[in-house]
Amino acid sequence: MKKLVLYTLYSLALILFVVCLAIWVSVKLRETEQLADILPENGMRVETEQLTVHVTPTGQDTDPPILLIHGTGSWGGYWQETADILAANKYYALALDVPPFGYTDRAPDRDYGRVKQAERINAAVDALQTKPIVVAHSFGASVALESVMRAPEKFAGLVIVSGAVGLGAHETGPDTLPLPARSKYIRRAGVALTSTNGLMTENLIKSFIYDKSLDVSKYASVLQQPMNREGTTAAHADWLVDLLVPPKDAISTREDEIAKFTLPTALIWGDKDEVSPLDVGKTLNTLIKGSTIAVMPNIGHIPQIEDSDLFHKHLLTALAQISGGAN
């Protein structure tokens, strides 16, 4: 019996080793490109006090600026359809890659906490020498809200799209990583099998939307573009720490602090959002004095791709209200 148990344990260990080796090899085979060799032609590198960021500009720089902040695992290119519509309506769209995603430099200290990320966005705004309205989606909205709350003088307004802001997370969230996730190798294996695995991209997108029959192949192709960059899986695994352990030092999780926020704000939300439910949007709408909320029926967590026409109608209305109708 003892020999059987030992044999079983050895077999499981061998299987685990083979699986981990296969994952490691697959990552090494697909993440081979240096950043300088894969930079998109329509983007620009902007040096800031924090690090060098990648920004995709669309439109005329003489038009009112709109800073687009993406969500988890995404990058600025995911906003291109929105950027084109903004440019056609006389706005200057600036889609920022928030590290470690896309083509922005990765943080040398590997710290992707909300406060640190907010500092990076504010440094990017300084470097761009602009005072934009921020449009931010999902987890990117948490960073954007932190940014504008810490330095409202740098911004003209805020549009939150299905924001995963983590209200109250400083009190209810865990203080440390779950035991398995404390190993960077386990985190990397999980990331390699999911978010940086091109075979899973479409399924991941569909897990966030309401209508599972929607063809998301073109959006999956966009998300996959930076995945061959060297070190992508490792960087995403570093970021995962700050997703799993909510920030304790952020002011954007605290309802009493949000209630003091006075920058012009609009919210756009899907009524079927299961990632950040509509109640979160309604709470933010109540907390932020003078804010508006547009609710999209039968829409999940990614309104801009689930019903592009309706989303952009709401977005343009919100921008016109915030900017005083100048556009």
C-alpha atoms as a PDB file:
ATOM      1  CA  MET A   1       0.000   0.000   0.000  1.00  0.00           C
ATOM      2  CA  LYS A   2       2.823   2.392   0.905  1.00  0.00           C
ATOM      3  CA  LYS A   3       4.538   1.687  -2.413  1.00  0.00           C
ATOM      4  CA  LEU A   4       1.280   2.410  -4.265  1.00  0.00           C
ATOM      5  CA  VAL A   5       0.907   5.762  -2.534  1.00  0.00           C
ATOM      6  CA  LEU A   6       4.514   6.691  -3.313  1.00  0.00           C
ATOM      7  CA  TYR A   7       4.102   5.601  -6.908  1.00  0.00           C
ATOM      8  CA  THR A   8       0.958   7.734  -7.221  1.00  0.00           C
ATOM      9  CA  LEU A   9       2.701  10.761  -5.739  1.00  0.00           C
ATOM     10  CA  TYR A  10       5.702  10.334  -8.020  1.00  0.00           C
ATOM     11  CA  SER A  11       3.396   9.977 -11.027  1.00  0.00           C
ATOM     12  CA  LEU A  12       1.479  13.118 -10.144  1.00  0.00           C
ATOM     13  CA  ALA A  13       4.731  15.018  -9.623  1.00  0.00           C
ATOM     14  CA  LEU A  14       6.000  13.831 -12.995  1.00  0.00           C
ATOM     15  CA  ILE A  15       2.778  14.851 -14.716  1.00  0.00           C
ATOM     16  CA  LEU A  16       2.913  18.263 -13.057  1.00  0.00           C
ATOM     17  CA  PHE A  17       6.528  18.682 -14.129  1.00  0.00           C
ATOM     18  CA  VAL A  18       5.721  17.768 -17.733  1.00  0.00           C
ATOM     19  CA  VAL A  19       2.746  20.145 -17.820  1.00  0.00           C
ATOM     20  CA  CYS A  20       4.806  23.017 -16.385  1.00  0.00           C
ATOM     21  CA  LEU A  21       7.615  22.288 -18.830  1.00  0.00           C
ATOM     22  CA  ALA A  22       5.178  22.294 -21.749  1.00  0.00           C
ATOM     23  CA  ILE A  23       3.736  25.628 -20.596  1.00  0.00           C
ATOM     24  CA  TRP A  24       7.205  27.135 -20.213  1.00  0.00           C
ATOM     25  CA  VAL A  25       8.267  25.937 -23.666  1.00  0.00           C
ATOM     26  CA  SER A  26       5.088  27.277 -25.286  1.00  0.00           C
ATOM     27  CA  VAL A  27       5.653  30.698 -23.690  1.00  0.00           C
ATOM     28  CA  LYS A  28       9.270  30.794 -24.839  1.00  0.00           C
ATOM     29  CA  LEU A  29       8.260  29.841 -28.363  1.00  0.00           C
ATOM     30  CA  ARG A  30       5.561  32.485 -28.737  1.00  0.00           C
ATOM     31  CA  GLU A  31       7.070  35.400 -26.778  1.00  0.00           C
ATOM     32  CA  THR A  32      10.144  36.041 -28.898  1.00  0.00           C
ATOM     33  CA  GLU A  33       9.819  39.620 -30.169  1.00  0.00           C
ATOM     34  CA  GLN A  34      11.674  42.645 -28.831  1.00  0.00           C
ATOM     35  CA  LEU A  35       9.550  45.722 -28.177  1.00  0.00           C
ATOM     36  CA  ALA A  36      11.395  47.904 -30.684  1.00  0.00           C
ATOM     37  CA  ASP A  37      10.643  45.423 -33.476  1.00  0.00           C
ATOM     38  CA  ILE A  38       6.865  45.238 -33.005  1.00  0.00           C
ATOM     39  CA  LEU A  39       5.810  48.801 -32.189  1.00  0.00           C
ATOM     40  CA  PRO A  40       2.655  49.745 -34.142  1.00  0.00           C
ATOM     41  CA  GLU A  41       3.284  52.301 -36.873  1.00  0.00           C
ATOM     42  CA  ASN A  42       0.389  54.496 -35.760  1.00  0.00           C
ATOM     43  CA  GLY A  43       1.590  54.782 -32.152  1.00  0.00           C
ATOM     44  CA  MET A  44       4.030  57.059 -30.402  1.00  0.00           C
ATOM     45  CA  ARG A  45       6.422  56.621 -27.494  1.00  0.00           C
ATOM     46  CA  VAL A  46       6.105  59.266 -24.799  1.00  0.00           C
ATOM     47  CA  GLU A  47       8.750  59.678 -22.120  1.00  0.00           C
ATOM     48  CA  THR A  48       7.404  60.515 -18.668  1.00  0.00           C
ATOM     49  CA  GLU A  49       8.878  60.926 -15.208  1.00  0.00           C
ATOM     50  CA  GLN A  50       7.754  57.375 -14.443  1.00  0.00           C
ATOM     51  CA  LEU A  51       8.510  55.367 -17.597  1.00  0.00           C
ATOM     52  CA  THR A  52       8.077  55.521 -21.370  1.00  0.00           C
ATOM     53  CA  VAL A  53       4.481  54.927 -22.379  1.00  0.00           C
ATOM     54  CA  HIS A  54       2.903  53.966 -25.676  1.00  0.00           C
ATOM     55  CA  VAL A  55       0.049  56.126 -26.914  1.00  0.00           C
ATOM     56  CA  THR A  56      -2.035  55.738 -30.075  1.00  0.00           C
ATOM     57  CA  PRO A  57      -3.231  59.160 -31.287  1.00  0.00           C
ATOM     58  CA  THR A  58      -6.191  59.583 -33.636  1.00  0.00           C
ATOM     59  CA  GLY A  59      -7.491  62.876 -34.981  1.00  0.00           C
ATOM     60  CA  GLN A  60      -6.239  66.458 -34.878  1.00  0.00           C
ATOM     61  CA  ASP A  61      -4.247  67.596 -31.862  1.00  0.00           C
ATOM     62  CA  THR A  62      -6.010  70.954 -32.018  1.00  0.00           C
ATOM     63  CA  ASP A  63      -9.316  69.288 -31.052  1.00  0.00           C
ATOM     64  CA  PRO A  64     -10.376  68.620 -27.428  1.00  0.00           C
ATOM     65  CA  PRO A  65      -8.311  65.699 -26.078  1.00  0.00           C
ATOM     66  CA  ILE A  66      -9.842  62.433 -24.888  1.00  0.00           C
ATOM     67  CA  LEU A  67      -7.603  60.016 -22.976  1.00  0.00           C
ATOM     68  CA  LEU A  68      -8.752  56.410 -23.465  1.00  0.00           C
ATOM     69  CA  ILE A  69      -7.862  53.901 -20.734  1.00  0.00           C
ATOM     70  CA  HIS A  70      -8.358  50.195 -21.442  1.00  0.00           C
ATOM     71  CA  GLY A  71      -9.295  47.359 -19.108  1.00  0.00           C
ATOM     72  CA  THR A  72      -7.626  44.148 -17.966  1.00  0.00           C
ATOM     73  CA  GLY A  73      -5.313  42.408 -20.429  1.00  0.00           C
ATOM     74  CA  SER A  74      -6.071  44.919 -23.152  1.00  0.00           C
ATOM     75  CA  TRP A  75      -4.172  47.813 -24.761  1.00  0.00           C
ATOM     76  CA  GLY A  76      -4.875  51.066 -26.581  1.00  0.00           C
ATOM     77  CA  GLY A  77      -5.574  49.385 -29.909  1.00  0.00           C
ATOM     78  CA  TYR A  78      -8.769  47.917 -28.442  1.00  0.00           C
ATOM     79  CA  TRP A  79     -10.183  51.465 -28.485  1.00  0.00           C
ATOM     80  CA  GLN A  80      -9.482  52.106 -32.179  1.00  0.00           C
ATOM     81  CA  GLU A  81     -13.099  51.997 -33.338  1.00  0.00           C
ATOM     82  CA  THR A  82     -14.003  54.480 -30.599  1.00  0.00           C
ATOM     83  CA  ALA A  83     -10.968  56.622 -31.443  1.00  0.00           C
ATOM     84  CA  ASP A  84     -12.023  56.843 -35.099  1.00  0.00           C
ATOM     85  CA  ILE A  85     -15.544  57.906 -34.135  1.00  0.00           C
ATOM     86  CA  LEU A  86     -14.174  60.494 -31.719  1.00  0.00           C
ATOM     87  CA  ALA A  87     -11.897  61.913 -34.408  1.00  0.00           C
ATOM     88  CA  ALA A  88     -14.812  62.103 -36.843  1.00  0.00           C
ATOM     89  CA  ASN A  89     -16.648  64.155 -34.205  1.00  0.00           C
ATOM     90  CA  LYS A  90     -13.759  66.610 -33.732  1.00  0.00           C
ATOM     91  CA  TYR A  91     -12.086  65.080 -30.691  1.00  0.00           C
ATOM     92  CA  TYR A  92      -8.437  64.143 -30.374  1.00  0.00           C
ATOM     93  CA  ALA A  93      -8.250  60.558 -29.079  1.00  0.00           C
ATOM     94  CA  LEU A  94      -5.192  59.395 -27.143  1.00  0.00           C
ATOM     95  CA  ALA A  95      -5.306  55.675 -26.332  1.00  0.00           C
ATOM     96  CA  LEU A  96      -2.794  54.884 -23.590  1.00  0.00           C
ATOM     97  CA  ASP A  97      -1.289  51.443 -22.947  1.00  0.00           C
ATOM     98  CA  VAL A  98      -1.319  51.060 -19.170  1.00  0.00           C
ATOM     99  CA  PRO A  99       1.622  48.913 -18.027  1.00  0.00           C
ATOM    100  CA  PRO A 100       2.316  46.050 -18.153  1.00  0.00           C
ATOM    101  CA  PHE A 101      -0.051  45.758 -21.125  1.00  0.00           C
ATOM    102  CA  GLY A 102       0.475  46.654 -24.756  1.00  0.00           C
ATOM    103  CA  TYR A 103       3.647  48.437 -25.787  1.00  0.00           C
ATOM    104  CA  THR A 104       4.363  50.630 -22.763  1.00  0.00           C
ATOM    105  CA  ASP A 105       7.562  49.934 -20.829  1.00  0.00           C
ATOM    106  CA  ARG A 106       7.113  47.539 -17.962  1.00  0.00           C
ATOM    107  CA  ALA A 107       7.660  48.785 -14.447  1.00  0.00           C
ATOM    108  CA  PRO A 108      11.218  48.090 -13.239  1.00  0.00           C
ATOM    109  CA  ASP A 109       9.898  47.606  -9.701  1.00  0.00           C
ATOM    110  CA  ARG A 110       7.105  45.292 -10.973  1.00  0.00           C
ATOM    111  CA  ASP A 111       4.642  47.328  -8.900  1.00  0.00           C
ATOM    112  CA  TYR A 112       1.292  47.650 -10.655  1.00  0.00           C
ATOM    113  CA  GLY A 113      -0.725  48.746  -7.637  1.00  0.00           C
ATOM    114  CA  ARG A 114      -3.539  51.210  -8.192  1.00  0.00           C
ATOM    115  CA  VAL A 115      -1.816  54.202  -6.634  1.00  0.00           C
ATOM    116  CA  LYS A 116       1.376  53.569  -8.586  1.00  0.00           C
ATOM    117  CA  GLN A 117      -0.584  53.183 -11.815  1.00  0.00           C
ATOM    118  CA  ALA A 118      -2.432  56.431 -11.121  1.00  0.00           C
ATOM    119  CA  GLU A 119       0.914  58.187 -10.746  1.00  0.00           C
ATOM    120  CA  ARG A 120       1.966  56.808 -14.130  1.00  0.00           C
ATOM    121  CA  ILE A 121      -1.199  58.043 -15.827  1.00  0.00           C
ATOM    122  CA  ASN A 122      -0.789  61.484 -14.299  1.00  0.00           C
ATOM    123  CA  ALA A 123       2.846  61.561 -15.413  1.00  0.00           C
ATOM    124  CA  ALA A 124       1.711  60.650 -18.940  1.00  0.00           C
ATOM    125  CA  VAL A 125      -0.830  63.482 -18.925  1.00  0.00           C
ATOM    126  CA  ASP A 126       1.936  65.890 -17.879  1.00  0.00           C
ATOM    127  CA  ALA A 127       4.208  64.638 -20.653  1.00  0.00           C
ATOM    128  CA  LEU A 128       1.438  64.936 -23.248  1.00  0.00           C
ATOM    129  CA  GLN A 129       0.881  68.532 -22.109  1.00  0.00           C
ATOM    130  CA  THR A 130      -2.861  68.194 -22.297  1.00  0.00           C
ATOM    131  CA  LYS A 131      -5.911  68.389 -20.041  1.00  0.00           C
ATOM    132  CA  PRO A 132      -8.132  65.569 -21.282  1.00  0.00           C
ATOM    133  CA  ILE A 133     -11.485  64.076 -20.547  1.00  0.00           C
ATOM    134  CA  VAL A 134     -10.721  60.507 -19.496  1.00  0.00           C
ATOM    135  CA  VAL A 135     -12.776  57.610 -20.844  1.00  0.00           C
ATOM    136  CA  ALA A 136     -11.932  54.454 -18.903  1.00  0.00           C
ATOM    137  CA  HIS A 137     -13.255  50.901 -19.017  1.00  0.00           C
ATOM    138  CA  SER A 138     -13.464  48.091 -16.459  1.00  0.00           C
ATOM    139  CA  PHE A 139     -10.381  47.688 -14.247  1.00  0.00           C
ATOM    140  CA  GLY A 140      -8.837  50.629 -16.104  1.00  0.00           C
ATOM    141  CA  ALA A 141     -11.601  52.775 -14.637  1.00  0.00           C
ATOM    142  CA  SER A 142     -10.337  52.029 -11.135  1.00  0.00           C
ATOM    143  CA  VAL A 143      -6.916  53.405 -12.043  1.00  0.00           C
ATOM    144  CA  ALA A 144      -8.441  56.348 -13.901  1.00  0.00           C
ATOM    145  CA  LEU A 145     -10.675  57.240 -10.961  1.00  0.00           C
ATOM    146  CA  GLU A 146      -7.665  57.133  -8.653  1.00  0.00           C
ATOM    147  CA  SER A 147      -5.777  59.387 -11.073  1.00  0.00           C
ATOM    148  CA  VAL A 148      -8.429  62.069 -11.351  1.00  0.00           C
ATOM    149  CA  MET A 149      -9.219  62.010  -7.625  1.00  0.00           C
ATOM    150  CA  ARG A 150      -5.567  62.598  -6.782  1.00  0.00           C
ATOM    151  CA  ALA A 151      -5.015  65.323  -9.371  1.00  0.00           C
ATOM    152  CA  PRO A 152      -8.376  66.672 -10.623  1.00  0.00           C
ATOM    153  CA  GLU A 153      -6.692  69.834 -11.902  1.00  0.00           C
ATOM    154  CA  LYS A 154      -5.017  67.775 -14.642  1.00  0.00           C
ATOM    155  CA  PHE A 155      -8.313  66.620 -16.180  1.00  0.00           C
ATOM    156  CA  ALA A 156     -11.407  68.115 -17.803  1.00  0.00           C
ATOM    157  CA  GLY A 157     -13.794  65.289 -16.954  1.00  0.00           C
ATOM    158  CA  LEU A 158     -14.314  61.550 -16.558  1.00  0.00           C
ATOM    159  CA  VAL A 159     -16.407  58.892 -18.299  1.00  0.00           C
ATOM    160  CA  ILE A 160     -16.522  55.533 -16.534  1.00  0.00           C
ATOM    161  CA  VAL A 161     -17.535  52.555 -18.677  1.00  0.00           C
ATOM    162  CA  SER A 162     -18.566  49.506 -16.635  1.00  0.00           C
ATOM    163  CA  GLY A 163     -16.010  50.436 -14.018  1.00  0.00           C
ATOM    164  CA  ALA A 164     -14.569  47.691 -11.816  1.00  0.00           C
ATOM    165  CA  VAL A 165     -13.585  50.161  -9.108  1.00  0.00           C
ATOM    166  CA  GLY A 166     -13.758  47.830  -6.105  1.00  0.00           C
ATOM    167  CA  LEU A 167     -15.857  49.966  -3.775  1.00  0.00           C
ATOM    168  CA  GLY A 168     -15.026  49.092  -0.183  1.00  0.00           C
ATOM    169  CA  ALA A 169     -12.292  46.677  -1.212  1.00  0.00           C
ATOM    170  CA  HIS A 170      -9.835  48.240   1.244  1.00  0.00           C
ATOM    171  CA  GLU A 171     -12.019  46.836   4.039  1.00  0.00           C
ATOM    172  CA  THR A 172     -13.384  43.595   2.601  1.00  0.00           C
ATOM    173  CA  GLY A 173     -10.589  42.378   0.329  1.00  0.00           C
ATOM    174  CA  PRO A 174      -7.848  39.918   1.347  1.00  0.00           C
ATOM    175  CA  ASP A 175      -4.571  41.235   2.730  1.00  0.00           C
ATOM    176  CA  THR A 176      -2.404  38.629   1.046  1.00  0.00           C
ATOM    177  CA  LEU A 177      -2.383  36.459  -2.046  1.00  0.00           C
ATOM    178  CA  PRO A 178      -4.047  33.045  -1.950  1.00  0.00           C
ATOM    179  CA  LEU A 179      -1.390  30.478  -1.097  1.00  0.00           C
ATOM    180  CA  PRO A 180      -1.003  28.963  -4.602  1.00  0.00           C
ATOM    181  CA  ALA A 181      -0.761  32.412  -6.227  1.00  0.00           C
ATOM    182  CA  ARG A 182       2.182  33.397  -4.042  1.00  0.00           C
ATOM    183  CA  SER A 183       4.421  31.449  -6.386  1.00  0.00           C
ATOM    184  CA  LYS A 184       5.281  33.506  -9.447  1.00  0.00           C
ATOM    185  CA  TYR A 185       5.645  30.274 -11.394  1.00  0.00           C
ATOM    186  CA  ILE A 186       2.088  29.180 -10.630  1.00  0.00           C
ATOM    187  CA  ARG A 187       0.806  32.655 -11.538  1.00  0.00           C
ATOM    188  CA  ARG A 188       2.726  32.522 -14.792  1.00  0.00           C
ATOM    189  CA  ALA A 189       1.365  29.080 -15.596  1.00  0.00           C
ATOM    190  CA  GLY A 190      -2.185  30.275 -15.014  1.00  0.00           C
ATOM    191  CA  VAL A 191      -1.644  33.353 -17.180  1.00  0.00           C
ATOM    192  CA  ALA A 192       0.033  31.319 -19.927  1.00  0.00           C
ATOM    193  CA  LEU A 193      -2.961  28.993 -20.096  1.00  0.00           C
ATOM    194  CA  THR A 194      -5.512  31.811 -20.202  1.00  0.00           C
ATOM    195  CA  SER A 195      -4.903  35.501 -20.856  1.00  0.00           C
ATOM    196  CA  THR A 196      -1.748  35.193 -22.988  1.00  0.00           C
ATOM    197  CA  ASN A 197      -2.897  32.020 -24.709  1.00  0.00           C
ATOM    198  CA  GLY A 198      -4.139  33.021 -28.149  1.00  0.00           C
ATOM    199  CA  LEU A 199      -6.349  29.937 -28.323  1.00  0.00           C
ATOM    200  CA  MET A 200      -8.356  31.254 -25.377  1.00  0.00           C
ATOM    201  CA  THR A 201      -8.760  34.904 -26.385  1.00  0.00           C
ATOM    202  CA  GLU A 202     -12.202  34.648 -27.979  1.00  0.00           C
ATOM    203  CA  ASN A 203     -13.546  32.563 -25.097  1.00  0.00           C
ATOM    204  CA  LEU A 204     -12.221  35.076 -22.588  1.00  0.00           C
ATOM    205  CA  ILE A 205     -13.920  37.962 -24.384  1.00  0.00           C
ATOM    206  CA  LYS A 206     -17.193  36.050 -24.538  1.00  0.00           C
ATOM    207  CA  SER A 207     -17.027  35.367 -20.818  1.00  0.00           C
ATOM    208  CA  PHE A 208     -17.405  39.113 -20.247  1.00  0.00           C
ATOM    209  CA  ILE A 209     -20.276  39.823 -22.643  1.00  0.00           C
ATOM    210  CA  TYR A 210     -23.978  39.035 -22.454  1.00  0.00           C
ATOM    211  CA  ASP A 211     -24.708  37.781 -25.977  1.00  0.00           C
ATOM    212  CA  LYS A 212     -22.399  34.782 -26.398  1.00  0.00           C
ATOM    213  CA  SER A 213     -23.280  34.476 -30.100  1.00  0.00           C
ATOM    214  CA  LEU A 214     -21.503  37.751 -30.920  1.00  0.00           C
ATOM    215  CA  ASP A 215     -18.609  37.365 -33.365  1.00  0.00           C
ATOM    216  CA  VAL A 216     -15.612  38.680 -31.419  1.00  0.00           C
ATOM    217  CA  SER A 217     -12.853  37.406 -33.718  1.00  0.00           C
ATOM    218  CA  LYS A 218     -11.701  40.869 -34.827  1.00  0.00           C
ATOM    219  CA  TYR A 219     -11.430  42.015 -31.218  1.00  0.00           C
ATOM    220  CA  ALA A 220      -9.494  38.878 -30.320  1.00  0.00           C
ATOM    221  CA  SER A 221      -7.023  39.628 -33.105  1.00  0.00           C
ATOM    222  CA  VAL A 222      -6.397  43.073 -31.653  1.00  0.00           C
ATOM    223  CA  LEU A 223      -5.814  41.725 -28.149  1.00  0.00           C
ATOM    224  CA  GLN A 224      -3.350  39.171 -29.500  1.00  0.00           C
ATOM    225  CA  GLN A 225      -1.126  41.696 -31.280  1.00  0.00           C
ATOM    226  CA  PRO A 226       1.242  42.415 -28.343  1.00  0.00           C
ATOM    227  CA  MET A 227       1.252  38.828 -27.047  1.00  0.00           C
ATOM    228  CA  ASN A 228       4.442  37.852 -28.878  1.00  0.00           C
ATOM    229  CA  ARG A 229       6.400  40.505 -26.985  1.00  0.00           C
ATOM    230  CA  GLU A 230       9.146  38.971 -24.881  1.00  0.00           C
ATOM    231  CA  GLY A 231       8.224  38.610 -21.208  1.00  0.00           C
ATOM    232  CA  THR A 232       4.476  39.171 -21.671  1.00  0.00           C
ATOM    233  CA  THR A 233       3.341  36.261 -19.498  1.00  0.00           C
ATOM    234  CA  ALA A 234       5.763  37.115 -16.695  1.00  0.00           C
ATOM    235  CA  ALA A 235       4.643  40.755 -16.709  1.00  0.00           C
ATOM    236  CA  HIS A 236       0.948  39.839 -16.653  1.00  0.00           C
ATOM    237  CA  ALA A 237       1.632  37.491 -13.743  1.00  0.00           C
ATOM    238  CA  ASP A 238       3.263  40.370 -11.848  1.00  0.00           C
ATOM    239  CA  TRP A 239       0.173  42.524 -12.478  1.00  0.00           C
ATOM    240  CA  LEU A 240      -2.075  39.711 -11.259  1.00  0.00           C
ATOM    241  CA  VAL A 241      -0.859  40.355  -7.710  1.00  0.00           C
ATOM    242  CA  ASP A 242      -2.633  43.703  -7.677  1.00  0.00           C
ATOM    243  CA  LEU A 243      -5.813  42.230  -9.119  1.00  0.00           C
ATOM    244  CA  LEU A 244      -6.032  39.539  -6.448  1.00  0.00           C
ATOM    245  CA  VAL A 245      -5.099  41.770  -3.498  1.00  0.00           C
ATOM    246  CA  PRO A 246      -7.184  44.987  -3.427  1.00  0.00           C
ATOM    247  CA  PRO A 247      -5.342  48.224  -2.636  1.00  0.00           C
ATOM    248  CA  LYS A 248      -5.358  49.452   0.949  1.00  0.00           C
ATOM    249  CA  ASP A 249      -3.874  52.864   0.163  1.00  0.00           C
ATOM    250  CA  ALA A 250      -6.193  53.883  -2.696  1.00  0.00           C
ATOM    251  CA  ILE A 251      -8.777  56.612  -2.170  1.00  0.00           C
ATOM    252  CA  SER A 252     -10.914  55.428  -5.106  1.00  0.00           C
ATOM    253  CA  THR A 253     -12.277  52.475  -3.110  1.00  0.00           C
ATOM    254  CA  ARG A 254     -13.614  54.720  -0.336  1.00  0.00           C
ATOM    255  CA  GLU A 255     -17.159  55.976  -0.742  1.00  0.00           C
ATOM    256  CA  ASP A 256     -16.619  58.928   1.593  1.00  0.00           C
ATOM    257  CA  GLU A 257     -13.717  60.135  -0.560  1.00  0.00           C
ATOM    258  CA  ILE A 258     -15.598  59.596  -3.826  1.00  0.00           C
ATOM    259  CA  ALA A 259     -18.457  61.699  -2.428  1.00  0.00           C
ATOM    260  CA  LYS A 260     -16.047  64.656  -2.286  1.00  0.00           C
ATOM    261  CA  PHE A 261     -15.196  64.297  -5.989  1.00  0.00           C
ATOM    262  CA  THR A 262     -16.567  67.133  -8.120  1.00  0.00           C
ATOM    263  CA  LEU A 263     -15.062  66.690 -11.598  1.00  0.00           C
ATOM    264  CA  PRO A 264     -17.766  66.405 -14.313  1.00  0.00           C
ATOM    265  CA  THR A 265     -18.493  62.696 -14.605  1.00  0.00           C
ATOM    266  CA  ALA A 266     -20.638  60.398 -16.731  1.00  0.00           C
ATOM    267  CA  LEU A 267     -21.188  56.670 -16.403  1.00  0.00           C
ATOM    268  CA  ILE A 268     -22.112  54.120 -19.072  1.00  0.00           C
ATOM    269  CA  TRP A 269     -23.168  50.648 -17.933  1.00  0.00           C
ATOM    270  CA  GLY A 270     -24.662  47.433 -19.246  1.00  0.00           C
ATOM    271  CA  ASP A 271     -27.626  46.164 -17.269  1.00  0.00           C
ATOM    272  CA  LYS A 272     -26.405  42.558 -17.594  1.00  0.00           C
ATOM    273  CA  ASP A 273     -22.869  43.229 -16.402  1.00  0.00           C
ATOM    274  CA  GLU A 274     -21.823  40.353 -14.120  1.00  0.00           C
ATOM    275  CA  VAL A 275     -18.231  41.542 -13.614  1.00  0.00           C
ATOM    276  CA  SER A 276     -19.118  44.933 -12.209  1.00  0.00           C
ATOM    277  CA  PRO A 277     -22.892  44.893 -11.712  1.00  0.00           C
ATOM    278  CA  LEU A 278     -25.111  47.847 -12.492  1.00  0.00           C
ATOM    279  CA  ASP A 279     -25.541  48.493  -8.762  1.00  0.00           C
ATOM    280  CA  VAL A 280     -21.892  49.638  -8.716  1.00  0.00           C
ATOM    281  CA  GLY A 281     -22.665  52.205 -11.381  1.00  0.00           C
ATOM    282  CA  LYS A 282     -25.776  53.364  -9.547  1.00  0.00           C
ATOM    283  CA  THR A 283     -23.789  53.762  -6.339  1.00  0.00           C
ATOM    284  CA  LEU A 284     -21.148  55.835  -8.124  1.00  0.00           C
ATOM    285  CA  ASN A 285     -23.913  57.897  -9.717  1.00  0.00           C
ATOM    286  CA  THR A 286     -25.304  58.612  -6.252  1.00  0.00           C
ATOM    287  CA  LEU A 287     -21.903  59.384  -4.750  1.00  0.00           C
ATOM    288  CA  ILE A 288     -20.573  61.680  -7.485  1.00  0.00           C
ATOM    289  CA  LYS A 289     -22.600  64.869  -7.364  1.00  0.00           C
ATOM    290  CA  GLY A 290     -23.936  65.949 -10.762  1.00  0.00           C
ATOM    291  CA  SER A 291     -22.920  62.726 -12.530  1.00  0.00           C
ATOM    292  CA  THR A 292     -25.111  61.068 -15.165  1.00  0.00           C
ATOM    293  CA  ILE A 293     -25.597  57.392 -15.943  1.00  0.00           C
ATOM    294  CA  ALA A 294     -26.643  55.774 -19.220  1.00  0.00           C
ATOM    295  CA  VAL A 295     -27.836  52.174 -18.872  1.00  0.00           C
ATOM    296  CA  MET A 296     -27.592  49.923 -21.931  1.00  0.00           C
ATOM    297  CA  PRO A 297     -30.186  47.105 -22.062  1.00  0.00           C
ATOM    298  CA  ASN A 298     -29.092  43.493 -22.541  1.00  0.00           C
ATOM    299  CA  ILE A 299     -25.422  44.454 -22.445  1.00  0.00           C
ATOM    300  CA  GLY A 300     -22.670  42.898 -20.363  1.00  0.00           C
ATOM    301  CA  HIS A 301     -19.245  44.166 -19.345  1.00  0.00           C
ATOM    302  CA  ILE A 302     -17.916  45.465 -22.689  1.00  0.00           C
ATOM    303  CA  PRO A 303     -20.546  47.900 -24.037  1.00  0.00           C
ATOM    304  CA  GLN A 304     -18.242  49.366 -26.700  1.00  0.00           C
ATOM    305  CA  ILE A 305     -18.166  46.080 -28.624  1.00  0.00           C
ATOM    306  CA  GLU A 306     -21.536  44.613 -27.628  1.00  0.00           C
ATOM    307  CA  ASP A 307     -23.550  47.485 -29.114  1.00  0.00           C
ATOM    308  CA  SER A 308     -21.117  49.881 -30.722  1.00  0.00           C
ATOM    309  CA  ASP A 309     -23.709  52.278 -32.160  1.00  0.00           C
ATOM    310  CA  LEU A 310     -25.610  52.755 -28.908  1.00  0.00           C
ATOM    311  CA  PHE A 311     -22.437  52.974 -26.845  1.00  0.00           C
ATOM    312  CA  HIS A 312     -20.925  55.683 -29.022  1.00  0.00           C
ATOM    313  CA  LYS A 313     -24.191  57.613 -29.009  1.00  0.00           C
ATOM    314  CA  HIS A 314     -24.068  57.627 -25.196  1.00  0.00           C
ATOM    315  CA  LEU A 315     -20.366  58.470 -25.196  1.00  0.00           C
ATOM    316  CA  LEU A 316     -20.704  61.447 -27.531  1.00  0.00           C
ATOM    317  CA  THR A 317     -23.627  62.745 -25.472  1.00  0.00           C
ATOM    318  CA  ALA A 318     -21.578  62.435 -22.291  1.00  0.00           C
ATOM    319  CA  LEU A 319     -18.562  64.184 -23.813  1.00  0.00           C
ATOM    320  CA  ALA A 320     -20.719  67.028 -25.124  1.00  0.00           C
ATOM    321  CA  GLN A 321     -22.263  67.511 -21.672  1.00  0.00           C
ATOM    322  CA  ILE A 322     -18.887  67.467 -19.952  1.00  0.00           C
ATOM    323  CA  SER A 323     -17.254  69.808 -22.444  1.00  0.00           C
ATOM    324  CA  GLY A 324     -20.205  72.188 -22.424  1.00  0.00           C
ATOM    325  CA  GLY A 325     -21.555  71.231 -25.827  1.00  0.00           C
ATOM    326  CA  ALA A 326     -18.604  72.675 -27.710  1.00  0.00           C
ATOM    327  CA  ASN A 327     -18.554  69.636 -29.982  1.00  0.00           C
END
